N, C-alpha and C. Protein backbone atom coordinates (compact mmCIF):
# COMPACT_ATOMS: atom_id res chain seq x y z
N MET A 1 17.04 172.29 -67.77
CA MET A 1 17.70 171.20 -67.08
C MET A 1 17.63 171.46 -65.56
N GLU A 2 17.15 170.49 -64.85
CA GLU A 2 17.01 170.62 -63.40
C GLU A 2 18.31 170.18 -62.72
N PRO A 3 18.81 170.95 -61.74
CA PRO A 3 20.07 170.56 -61.08
C PRO A 3 19.90 169.31 -60.21
N LYS A 4 20.96 168.51 -60.18
CA LYS A 4 20.97 167.31 -59.34
C LYS A 4 21.20 167.73 -57.89
N LYS A 5 20.63 166.97 -56.97
CA LYS A 5 20.82 167.30 -55.55
C LYS A 5 22.16 166.81 -55.04
N ILE A 6 22.60 165.65 -55.54
CA ILE A 6 23.87 165.09 -55.10
C ILE A 6 24.64 164.62 -56.34
N VAL A 7 25.91 164.98 -56.40
CA VAL A 7 26.79 164.55 -57.49
C VAL A 7 27.94 163.79 -56.86
N ARG A 8 28.29 162.64 -57.44
CA ARG A 8 29.36 161.81 -56.89
C ARG A 8 30.63 162.01 -57.73
N ILE A 9 31.64 162.55 -57.07
CA ILE A 9 32.95 162.75 -57.71
C ILE A 9 34.01 162.16 -56.80
N ALA A 10 34.86 161.31 -57.36
CA ALA A 10 35.97 160.69 -56.62
C ALA A 10 35.47 159.99 -55.36
N ASN A 11 34.41 159.20 -55.49
CA ASN A 11 33.83 158.42 -54.39
C ASN A 11 33.38 159.28 -53.22
N THR A 12 32.99 160.52 -53.51
CA THR A 12 32.49 161.43 -52.48
C THR A 12 31.21 162.08 -52.98
N ASP A 13 30.19 162.11 -52.14
CA ASP A 13 28.93 162.76 -52.51
C ASP A 13 29.07 164.26 -52.23
N LEU A 14 28.81 165.05 -53.27
CA LEU A 14 28.88 166.51 -53.15
C LEU A 14 27.48 167.08 -53.29
N MET A 15 27.15 168.05 -52.48
CA MET A 15 25.84 168.69 -52.53
C MET A 15 25.73 169.50 -53.82
N GLY A 16 24.59 169.35 -54.50
CA GLY A 16 24.39 170.00 -55.79
C GLY A 16 24.19 171.50 -55.72
N ASP A 17 23.85 172.04 -54.55
CA ASP A 17 23.59 173.48 -54.46
C ASP A 17 24.84 174.29 -54.10
N LYS A 18 25.98 173.64 -53.92
CA LYS A 18 27.23 174.33 -53.60
C LYS A 18 27.97 174.70 -54.88
N SER A 19 28.83 175.70 -54.80
CA SER A 19 29.65 176.06 -55.96
C SER A 19 30.73 175.00 -56.16
N ILE A 20 31.20 174.88 -57.39
CA ILE A 20 32.20 173.85 -57.70
C ILE A 20 33.44 174.03 -56.84
N HIS A 21 33.89 175.28 -56.75
CA HIS A 21 35.13 175.57 -56.02
C HIS A 21 35.04 175.10 -54.57
N ASN A 22 33.94 175.36 -53.89
CA ASN A 22 33.79 174.96 -52.49
C ASN A 22 33.47 173.47 -52.35
N ALA A 23 32.69 172.93 -53.26
CA ALA A 23 32.28 171.52 -53.14
C ALA A 23 33.47 170.59 -53.34
N LEU A 24 34.38 170.92 -54.25
CA LEU A 24 35.54 170.05 -54.48
C LEU A 24 36.41 169.95 -53.24
N ARG A 25 36.40 170.98 -52.41
CA ARG A 25 37.20 170.96 -51.18
C ARG A 25 36.67 169.97 -50.16
N LYS A 26 35.44 169.49 -50.33
CA LYS A 26 34.88 168.48 -49.43
C LYS A 26 35.50 167.11 -49.67
N ILE A 27 36.14 166.93 -50.83
CA ILE A 27 36.80 165.67 -51.13
C ILE A 27 38.10 165.63 -50.34
N LYS A 28 38.33 164.54 -49.62
CA LYS A 28 39.53 164.43 -48.81
C LYS A 28 40.75 164.41 -49.73
N GLY A 29 41.69 165.32 -49.49
CA GLY A 29 42.90 165.42 -50.29
C GLY A 29 42.88 166.54 -51.29
N VAL A 30 41.77 167.29 -51.36
CA VAL A 30 41.68 168.43 -52.28
C VAL A 30 41.69 169.70 -51.46
N SER A 31 42.71 170.52 -51.68
CA SER A 31 42.86 171.76 -50.93
C SER A 31 42.24 172.92 -51.68
N PHE A 32 42.30 174.09 -51.07
CA PHE A 32 41.81 175.31 -51.69
C PHE A 32 42.52 175.57 -53.01
N SER A 33 43.85 175.47 -52.99
CA SER A 33 44.62 175.77 -54.20
C SER A 33 44.41 174.72 -55.29
N PHE A 34 44.29 173.45 -54.91
CA PHE A 34 44.09 172.40 -55.92
C PHE A 34 42.71 172.52 -56.54
N SER A 35 41.71 172.87 -55.74
CA SER A 35 40.37 173.09 -56.26
C SER A 35 40.37 174.26 -57.25
N ASN A 36 41.09 175.30 -56.92
CA ASN A 36 41.22 176.45 -57.80
C ASN A 36 41.90 176.07 -59.11
N ILE A 37 42.94 175.25 -59.04
CA ILE A 37 43.66 174.81 -60.23
C ILE A 37 42.77 173.95 -61.12
N ILE A 38 41.95 173.08 -60.53
CA ILE A 38 41.04 172.24 -61.32
C ILE A 38 40.07 173.11 -62.10
N CYS A 39 39.49 174.09 -61.43
CA CYS A 39 38.53 174.98 -62.10
C CYS A 39 39.20 175.75 -63.24
N ASN A 40 40.40 176.26 -63.02
CA ASN A 40 41.10 177.02 -64.05
C ASN A 40 41.54 176.13 -65.20
N HIS A 41 42.04 174.94 -64.88
CA HIS A 41 42.56 174.03 -65.90
C HIS A 41 41.46 173.52 -66.83
N LEU A 42 40.27 173.27 -66.27
CA LEU A 42 39.16 172.74 -67.06
C LEU A 42 38.21 173.84 -67.56
N ASN A 43 38.58 175.10 -67.32
CA ASN A 43 37.76 176.25 -67.75
C ASN A 43 36.33 176.17 -67.19
N LEU A 44 36.21 175.85 -65.92
CA LEU A 44 34.90 175.81 -65.25
C LEU A 44 34.72 177.09 -64.45
N GLU A 45 33.49 177.58 -64.43
CA GLU A 45 33.19 178.73 -63.58
C GLU A 45 33.22 178.27 -62.13
N LYS A 46 33.92 179.01 -61.29
CA LYS A 46 34.05 178.60 -59.88
C LYS A 46 32.74 178.72 -59.12
N ASN A 47 31.88 179.63 -59.55
CA ASN A 47 30.61 179.83 -58.85
C ASN A 47 29.47 178.99 -59.40
N LYS A 48 29.74 178.21 -60.44
CA LYS A 48 28.71 177.34 -61.02
C LYS A 48 28.36 176.25 -60.01
N LYS A 49 27.09 175.91 -59.92
CA LYS A 49 26.64 174.90 -58.97
C LYS A 49 27.03 173.51 -59.45
N VAL A 50 27.36 172.64 -58.51
CA VAL A 50 27.78 171.27 -58.84
C VAL A 50 26.65 170.51 -59.51
N GLY A 51 25.42 170.77 -59.10
CA GLY A 51 24.27 170.07 -59.67
C GLY A 51 24.06 170.36 -61.14
N LEU A 52 24.63 171.46 -61.64
CA LEU A 52 24.48 171.83 -63.05
C LEU A 52 25.60 171.29 -63.94
N LEU A 53 26.55 170.56 -63.37
CA LEU A 53 27.64 169.99 -64.16
C LEU A 53 27.10 168.88 -65.06
N THR A 54 27.62 168.80 -66.29
CA THR A 54 27.25 167.71 -67.17
C THR A 54 28.09 166.48 -66.81
N GLU A 55 27.69 165.33 -67.32
CA GLU A 55 28.44 164.11 -67.02
C GLU A 55 29.84 164.16 -67.62
N GLN A 56 29.99 164.85 -68.74
CA GLN A 56 31.31 164.99 -69.35
C GLN A 56 32.24 165.80 -68.45
N GLU A 57 31.72 166.87 -67.86
CA GLU A 57 32.54 167.69 -66.97
C GLU A 57 32.93 166.93 -65.71
N VAL A 58 31.99 166.14 -65.19
CA VAL A 58 32.30 165.32 -64.01
C VAL A 58 33.39 164.31 -64.35
N LYS A 59 33.29 163.70 -65.53
CA LYS A 59 34.30 162.72 -65.97
C LYS A 59 35.66 163.39 -66.13
N LYS A 60 35.69 164.62 -66.67
CA LYS A 60 36.95 165.34 -66.83
C LYS A 60 37.59 165.61 -65.47
N ILE A 61 36.77 165.98 -64.48
CA ILE A 61 37.29 166.24 -63.13
C ILE A 61 37.89 164.97 -62.55
N GLU A 62 37.19 163.85 -62.68
CA GLU A 62 37.70 162.59 -62.14
C GLU A 62 38.97 162.15 -62.86
N ASP A 63 39.02 162.36 -64.17
CA ASP A 63 40.24 162.01 -64.92
C ASP A 63 41.43 162.86 -64.46
N LEU A 64 41.16 164.10 -64.15
CA LEU A 64 42.23 164.99 -63.68
C LEU A 64 42.75 164.54 -62.31
N PHE A 65 41.87 163.99 -61.46
CA PHE A 65 42.32 163.43 -60.19
C PHE A 65 43.21 162.21 -60.42
N GLN A 66 42.83 161.36 -61.37
CA GLN A 66 43.59 160.14 -61.64
C GLN A 66 44.94 160.43 -62.30
N ASN A 67 44.93 161.32 -63.30
CA ASN A 67 46.15 161.65 -64.04
C ASN A 67 46.35 163.16 -64.05
N PRO A 68 47.00 163.71 -63.04
CA PRO A 68 47.15 165.18 -62.98
C PRO A 68 48.28 165.67 -63.88
N LYS A 69 48.04 165.62 -65.18
CA LYS A 69 49.06 166.11 -66.12
C LYS A 69 48.83 167.60 -66.36
N ASP A 70 49.88 168.30 -66.73
CA ASP A 70 49.84 169.74 -67.00
C ASP A 70 49.46 170.56 -65.76
N ILE A 71 49.62 169.99 -64.60
CA ILE A 71 49.35 170.70 -63.34
C ILE A 71 50.70 170.84 -62.63
N PRO A 72 50.98 171.99 -62.04
CA PRO A 72 52.27 172.15 -61.35
C PRO A 72 52.47 171.07 -60.28
N LYS A 73 53.67 170.49 -60.25
CA LYS A 73 53.95 169.39 -59.34
C LYS A 73 53.85 169.79 -57.87
N TRP A 74 54.14 171.05 -57.58
CA TRP A 74 54.15 171.48 -56.19
C TRP A 74 52.75 171.50 -55.58
N THR A 75 51.68 171.42 -56.40
CA THR A 75 50.32 171.44 -55.87
C THR A 75 49.83 170.06 -55.48
N LEU A 76 50.52 169.00 -55.91
CA LEU A 76 50.07 167.64 -55.64
C LEU A 76 50.42 167.24 -54.21
N ASN A 77 49.62 166.34 -53.63
CA ASN A 77 49.79 166.02 -52.21
C ASN A 77 50.69 164.81 -51.96
N ARG A 78 51.18 164.15 -52.99
CA ARG A 78 52.12 163.02 -52.82
C ARG A 78 53.28 163.26 -53.78
N GLN A 79 54.31 163.92 -53.30
CA GLN A 79 55.43 164.27 -54.16
C GLN A 79 56.55 163.27 -54.00
N LYS A 80 57.10 162.84 -55.12
CA LYS A 80 58.20 161.87 -55.15
C LYS A 80 57.84 160.64 -54.32
N ASP A 81 56.87 159.89 -54.80
CA ASP A 81 56.42 158.68 -54.12
C ASP A 81 57.62 157.77 -53.85
N TYR A 82 57.65 157.15 -52.68
CA TYR A 82 58.80 156.35 -52.26
C TYR A 82 59.05 155.19 -53.21
N ASP A 83 57.99 154.52 -53.66
CA ASP A 83 58.15 153.33 -54.50
C ASP A 83 58.37 153.69 -55.96
N SER A 84 57.54 154.58 -56.52
CA SER A 84 57.59 154.84 -57.95
C SER A 84 58.37 156.11 -58.31
N GLY A 85 58.54 157.02 -57.38
CA GLY A 85 59.23 158.27 -57.66
C GLY A 85 58.38 159.28 -58.40
N GLU A 86 57.09 159.00 -58.56
CA GLU A 86 56.19 159.88 -59.30
C GLU A 86 55.54 160.90 -58.38
N TYR A 87 54.95 161.91 -59.00
CA TYR A 87 54.17 162.90 -58.29
C TYR A 87 52.70 162.51 -58.45
N LEU A 88 51.97 162.31 -57.35
CA LEU A 88 50.60 161.82 -57.39
C LEU A 88 49.67 162.75 -56.64
N GLN A 89 48.39 162.66 -56.96
CA GLN A 89 47.34 163.34 -56.21
C GLN A 89 46.44 162.24 -55.63
N LEU A 90 46.54 162.01 -54.34
CA LEU A 90 45.72 160.99 -53.68
C LEU A 90 44.47 161.63 -53.11
N THR A 91 43.35 160.92 -53.22
CA THR A 91 42.09 161.42 -52.69
C THR A 91 41.39 160.31 -51.95
N GLY A 92 40.54 160.69 -51.00
CA GLY A 92 39.67 159.75 -50.29
C GLY A 92 40.43 158.79 -49.40
N VAL A 93 40.08 157.52 -49.51
CA VAL A 93 40.62 156.47 -48.64
C VAL A 93 42.10 156.22 -48.92
N LYS A 94 42.53 156.50 -50.14
CA LYS A 94 43.92 156.22 -50.51
C LYS A 94 44.92 157.00 -49.66
N ILE A 95 44.52 158.18 -49.20
CA ILE A 95 45.42 158.99 -48.37
C ILE A 95 45.72 158.28 -47.05
N GLY A 96 44.67 157.80 -46.38
CA GLY A 96 44.85 157.12 -45.10
C GLY A 96 45.65 155.83 -45.25
N LEU A 97 45.37 155.07 -46.32
CA LEU A 97 46.10 153.83 -46.55
C LEU A 97 47.58 154.11 -46.79
N GLN A 98 47.86 155.09 -47.62
CA GLN A 98 49.25 155.42 -47.93
C GLN A 98 49.99 155.90 -46.69
N LYS A 99 49.30 156.67 -45.86
CA LYS A 99 49.93 157.16 -44.62
C LYS A 99 50.27 156.00 -43.69
N SER A 100 49.35 155.05 -43.55
CA SER A 100 49.62 153.90 -42.68
C SER A 100 50.73 153.02 -43.25
N PHE A 101 50.80 152.87 -44.59
CA PHE A 101 51.89 152.11 -45.20
C PHE A 101 53.23 152.79 -44.95
N ASP A 102 53.26 154.12 -45.04
CA ASP A 102 54.50 154.86 -44.80
C ASP A 102 54.97 154.69 -43.36
N ILE A 103 54.03 154.75 -42.41
CA ILE A 103 54.39 154.58 -40.99
C ILE A 103 54.89 153.17 -40.74
N LYS A 104 54.25 152.16 -41.33
CA LYS A 104 54.71 150.77 -41.18
C LYS A 104 56.10 150.58 -41.77
N LYS A 105 56.37 151.26 -42.89
CA LYS A 105 57.69 151.17 -43.51
C LYS A 105 58.74 151.77 -42.59
N LEU A 106 58.43 152.91 -41.95
CA LEU A 106 59.36 153.53 -41.01
C LEU A 106 59.61 152.62 -39.80
N GLN A 107 58.56 151.94 -39.34
CA GLN A 107 58.71 151.04 -38.21
C GLN A 107 59.53 149.81 -38.60
N LYS A 108 59.35 149.35 -39.82
CA LYS A 108 60.06 148.15 -40.27
C LYS A 108 61.56 148.39 -40.36
N ILE A 109 61.96 149.58 -40.85
CA ILE A 109 63.39 149.88 -40.95
C ILE A 109 63.95 150.39 -39.63
N LYS A 110 63.08 150.51 -38.64
CA LYS A 110 63.46 150.93 -37.28
C LYS A 110 64.13 152.30 -37.26
N SER A 111 63.56 153.23 -37.99
CA SER A 111 64.05 154.60 -37.94
C SER A 111 63.54 155.25 -36.65
N ASN A 112 64.11 156.38 -36.30
CA ASN A 112 63.70 157.07 -35.08
C ASN A 112 62.22 157.43 -35.15
N ARG A 113 61.76 157.96 -36.29
CA ARG A 113 60.35 158.32 -36.44
C ARG A 113 59.46 157.10 -36.30
N GLY A 114 59.87 155.97 -36.88
CA GLY A 114 59.07 154.76 -36.79
C GLY A 114 58.95 154.24 -35.37
N LEU A 115 60.06 154.29 -34.65
CA LEU A 115 60.04 153.84 -33.26
C LEU A 115 59.16 154.73 -32.40
N ARG A 116 59.23 156.03 -32.60
CA ARG A 116 58.40 156.95 -31.81
C ARG A 116 56.93 156.78 -32.14
N HIS A 117 56.60 156.45 -33.41
CA HIS A 117 55.22 156.12 -33.75
C HIS A 117 54.78 154.89 -32.98
N ALA A 118 55.63 153.87 -32.95
CA ALA A 118 55.30 152.62 -32.28
C ALA A 118 55.11 152.82 -30.78
N TRP A 119 55.91 153.67 -30.18
CA TRP A 119 55.82 153.91 -28.74
C TRP A 119 54.73 154.90 -28.37
N GLY A 120 54.12 155.54 -29.35
CA GLY A 120 53.06 156.50 -29.07
C GLY A 120 53.58 157.83 -28.56
N LEU A 121 54.80 158.19 -28.93
CA LEU A 121 55.40 159.45 -28.51
C LEU A 121 55.33 160.46 -29.65
N PRO A 122 55.49 161.75 -29.35
CA PRO A 122 55.48 162.74 -30.43
C PRO A 122 56.68 162.53 -31.36
N VAL A 123 56.45 162.69 -32.65
CA VAL A 123 57.44 162.34 -33.65
C VAL A 123 58.27 163.54 -34.08
N ARG A 124 57.71 164.73 -34.01
CA ARG A 124 58.36 165.88 -34.63
C ARG A 124 59.05 166.81 -33.64
N GLY A 125 59.68 166.27 -32.62
CA GLY A 125 60.54 167.06 -31.76
C GLY A 125 59.87 167.82 -30.64
N GLN A 126 58.59 167.57 -30.38
CA GLN A 126 57.94 168.30 -29.30
C GLN A 126 58.45 167.80 -27.94
N ARG A 127 58.34 168.65 -26.94
CA ARG A 127 58.72 168.24 -25.59
C ARG A 127 57.62 167.36 -25.00
N THR A 128 58.00 166.47 -24.11
CA THR A 128 57.03 165.52 -23.57
C THR A 128 56.80 165.68 -22.08
N ARG A 129 57.44 166.65 -21.46
CA ARG A 129 57.31 166.75 -20.00
C ARG A 129 55.90 167.13 -19.58
N GLY A 130 55.33 168.16 -20.18
CA GLY A 130 54.02 168.62 -19.75
C GLY A 130 52.89 168.12 -20.61
N ASN A 131 53.18 167.79 -21.83
CA ASN A 131 52.14 167.39 -22.76
C ASN A 131 52.34 165.92 -23.13
N PHE A 132 51.39 165.32 -23.80
CA PHE A 132 51.44 163.93 -24.26
C PHE A 132 51.50 162.94 -23.11
N ARG A 133 50.95 163.31 -21.96
CA ARG A 133 51.01 162.42 -20.80
C ARG A 133 49.75 161.59 -20.72
N LYS A 134 49.94 160.28 -20.61
CA LYS A 134 48.81 159.36 -20.51
C LYS A 134 49.10 158.34 -19.42
N GLY A 135 48.06 157.76 -18.89
CA GLY A 135 48.22 156.65 -17.95
C GLY A 135 48.67 157.06 -16.58
N LYS A 136 49.61 156.29 -16.00
CA LYS A 136 50.04 156.47 -14.61
C LYS A 136 50.80 157.76 -14.39
N SER A 137 51.42 158.29 -15.42
CA SER A 137 52.25 159.48 -15.25
C SER A 137 51.42 160.74 -15.05
N VAL A 138 50.12 160.66 -15.24
CA VAL A 138 49.27 161.85 -15.11
C VAL A 138 48.83 162.00 -13.67
N GLY A 139 48.94 163.20 -13.14
CA GLY A 139 48.42 163.50 -11.80
C GLY A 139 49.40 163.17 -10.69
N VAL A 140 49.17 163.79 -9.55
CA VAL A 140 50.02 163.59 -8.38
C VAL A 140 49.11 163.14 -7.23
N GLN A 141 49.55 162.12 -6.50
CA GLN A 141 48.77 161.63 -5.37
C GLN A 141 49.54 161.84 -4.09
N LYS A 142 48.83 162.08 -3.01
CA LYS A 142 49.47 162.21 -1.71
C LYS A 142 49.84 160.83 -1.20
N LYS A 143 50.85 160.77 -0.35
CA LYS A 143 51.34 159.49 0.15
C LYS A 143 50.26 158.76 0.94
N LYS A 144 49.41 159.49 1.66
CA LYS A 144 48.36 158.88 2.47
C LYS A 144 47.40 158.09 1.58
N ILE A 145 47.00 158.67 0.43
CA ILE A 145 46.07 158.01 -0.48
C ILE A 145 46.74 156.82 -1.14
N GLN A 146 48.02 156.94 -1.49
CA GLN A 146 48.74 155.84 -2.12
C GLN A 146 48.82 154.64 -1.18
N SER A 147 49.08 154.90 0.09
CA SER A 147 49.19 153.79 1.04
C SER A 147 47.85 153.11 1.25
N GLN A 148 46.74 153.88 1.20
CA GLN A 148 45.41 153.28 1.33
C GLN A 148 45.11 152.39 0.13
N LYS A 149 45.50 152.82 -1.07
CA LYS A 149 45.26 152.01 -2.26
C LYS A 149 46.06 150.72 -2.21
N LYS A 150 47.30 150.81 -1.76
CA LYS A 150 48.13 149.61 -1.65
C LYS A 150 47.55 148.64 -0.63
N GLY A 151 47.03 149.17 0.46
CA GLY A 151 46.43 148.34 1.49
C GLY A 151 45.18 147.63 0.99
N SER A 152 44.37 148.30 0.18
CA SER A 152 43.16 147.69 -0.33
C SER A 152 43.47 146.63 -1.39
N LYS A 153 44.57 146.78 -2.09
CA LYS A 153 44.95 145.79 -3.08
C LYS A 153 45.34 144.49 -2.41
N GLY A 154 46.01 144.61 -1.26
CA GLY A 154 46.44 143.42 -0.53
C GLY A 154 45.26 142.62 -0.01
N LYS A 155 44.18 143.29 0.41
CA LYS A 155 42.99 142.62 0.93
C LYS A 155 42.26 141.85 -0.15
N LYS A 156 42.25 142.38 -1.38
CA LYS A 156 41.57 141.71 -2.47
C LYS A 156 42.22 140.38 -2.82
N GLY A 157 43.53 140.33 -2.73
CA GLY A 157 44.27 139.15 -3.11
C GLY A 157 44.03 137.98 -2.17
N LYS A 158 43.60 138.22 -0.92
CA LYS A 158 43.45 137.15 0.08
C LYS A 158 42.19 136.41 -0.07
């Protein structure tokens, strides 16, 4: 059996010459520990090449992403979902969508975190004096240069 060059798992193309353990980490939302758990749970050799996986093994991996049963809850990346209360494993595009929905929900209820997201300020308590500076607040100008700029603005308006 000749190994495949590219295998598609969870809407992500994985290189066939990589080991299963490393290739699964290329999927957005799959960490080192979750990749390790998948290999152990499905009795797959971690060093086996992805191109040598059978279609049944690929299907088992995808099913495990969809329904992570018998896997410790603390390894999943969406714990106690706000709407359903379930523990989920999100992969690929679903992570970004869910994150944006969560931020919009915070903004809608006008929580402090939601407001700071809307204003473009740091959300998690960082100081803003030296960092996170954008626009007019950046840099210092001498009074001589400021007066020249104001003078040139007046000439343009005439």
